[in-house]
Protein backbone atom coordinates (compact mmCIF):
# COMPACT_ATOMS: atom_id res chain seq x y z
CA MET A 1 6.10 -2.40 -19.17
CA LYS A 2 9.17 -1.16 -17.20
CA LEU A 3 9.14 2.21 -16.00
CA SER A 4 11.96 4.63 -16.38
CA VAL A 5 14.31 5.74 -13.18
CA VAL A 6 13.26 9.39 -14.54
CA ALA A 7 9.19 8.28 -14.40
CA PRO A 8 9.46 7.60 -10.51
CA VAL A 9 11.14 10.89 -9.87
CA LEU A 10 8.79 13.01 -11.91
CA LEU A 11 5.84 11.81 -10.15
CA VAL A 12 7.04 12.05 -6.97
CA ALA A 13 7.06 15.95 -7.99
CA ILE A 14 3.54 15.64 -9.86
CA VAL A 15 1.85 13.76 -6.87
CA GLY A 16 4.01 14.25 -4.35
CA LEU A 17 4.05 10.76 -3.33
CA PRO A 18 7.59 8.17 -3.41
CA CYS A 19 6.35 5.85 -6.36
CA GLY A 20 8.30 3.36 -8.10
CA GLU A 21 7.77 0.16 -9.29
CA TYR A 22 5.91 -2.29 -6.98
CA GLU A 23 8.28 -4.78 -6.59
CA ASP A 24 11.27 -3.03 -5.98
CA ILE A 25 8.98 -0.70 -3.12
CA ALA A 26 8.08 -4.50 -1.50
CA LYS A 27 11.89 -5.09 -1.87
CA ARG A 28 12.75 -2.01 0.21
CA LEU A 29 10.28 -2.36 2.82
CA TRP A 30 11.20 -5.93 3.56
CA GLN A 31 14.50 -5.04 3.64
CA LYS A 32 14.33 -2.10 6.13
CA TRP A 33 11.01 -3.09 7.84
CA LYS A 34 10.42 -6.64 7.26
CA GLU A 35 6.81 -5.93 5.93
CA VAL A 36 4.88 -7.96 4.00
CA GLU A 37 1.69 -8.38 2.13
CA VAL A 38 -1.10 -8.79 4.41
CA ALA A 39 -4.33 -7.36 2.92
CA VAL A 40 -5.45 -5.77 -0.36
CA GLY A 41 -8.77 -4.10 -1.92
CA VAL A 42 -9.63 -2.98 -5.13
CA THR A 43 -10.96 0.95 -6.12
CA SER A 44 -13.30 2.60 -7.95
CA SER A 45 -10.83 3.00 -10.15
CA ASN A 46 -9.51 -0.85 -10.58
CA GLY A 47 -6.31 0.30 -8.92
CA LEU A 48 -5.20 -1.56 -5.86
CA ILE A 49 -4.42 -0.46 -2.12
CA VAL A 50 -1.77 -2.92 -0.45
CA ARG A 51 -1.05 -3.17 2.87
CA LEU A 52 2.30 -4.07 4.20
CA GLU A 53 2.94 -4.91 7.60
CA ASN A 54 5.89 -6.46 10.00
CA PRO A 55 3.71 -8.34 12.71
CA GLU A 56 6.24 -8.31 15.15
CA THR A 57 7.19 -4.43 15.02
CA GLY A 58 3.58 -3.29 14.32
CA THR A 59 5.35 -1.34 11.00
CA TRP A 60 2.79 -0.94 8.29
CA THR A 61 2.62 0.85 4.72
CA LEU A 62 -0.16 1.58 2.41
CA LEU A 63 0.51 1.24 -1.13
CA ARG A 64 -1.54 2.26 -4.10
CA ARG A 65 -1.02 0.36 -7.53
CA VAL A 66 -2.19 2.43 -10.29
CA ALA A 67 -5.03 1.21 -12.60
CA GLY A 68 -3.74 1.75 -16.52
CA LEU A 69 0.67 1.72 -15.56
CA PRO A 70 1.59 -1.78 -14.66
CA GLY A 71 3.61 -1.82 -11.79
CA LEU A 72 3.40 2.27 -10.95
CA THR A 73 3.03 1.81 -6.79
CA CYS A 74 2.96 4.84 -4.98
CA VAL A 75 3.44 5.50 -0.84
CA ILE A 76 0.30 6.67 0.38
CA ALA A 77 0.80 6.06 4.20
CA SER A 78 3.08 4.59 6.92
CA GLY A 79 2.66 3.96 10.48
CA GLN A 80 2.63 1.83 13.42
CA ASP A 81 0.07 -0.01 15.58
CA TRP A 82 -2.48 -1.19 12.27
CA ALA A 83 -5.42 -2.44 14.56
CA GLU A 84 -8.44 -4.20 13.46
CA TYR A 85 -12.01 -4.23 14.32
CA ASP A 86 -14.25 -6.89 13.84
CA HIS A 87 -17.48 -4.78 13.35
CA ARG A 88 -20.14 -7.45 13.67
CA GLN A 89 -19.28 -7.33 17.90
CA ASN A 90 -21.46 -4.25 18.01
CA CYS A 91 -24.39 -4.55 15.38
CA GLY A 92 -27.22 -4.35 17.78
CA GLU A 93 -30.37 -4.38 15.86
CA VAL A 94 -28.45 -3.59 12.42
CA LYS A 95 -27.73 -6.85 10.57
CA CYS A 96 -24.11 -7.71 9.72
């Protein structure tokens, strides 16, 4: 299903987030920030959270791919210097 040009604009007004086709958003993030997909997770509503990152500059963007609307994606956060933690290092007596 291809979203119309109007649909993403309406979604921005409704949800307050920039939304559009996943391919278009990912392409713009590559062109402007050289960010690539580095992680993905499934939400409880069967949508996807996708993290894009430029490992050289440290910029990152989180996208939410909406379940039930193929291709519809919204930018939910962006920033600088994402940090990964190895939670297993500090488990103590807790099984990790």
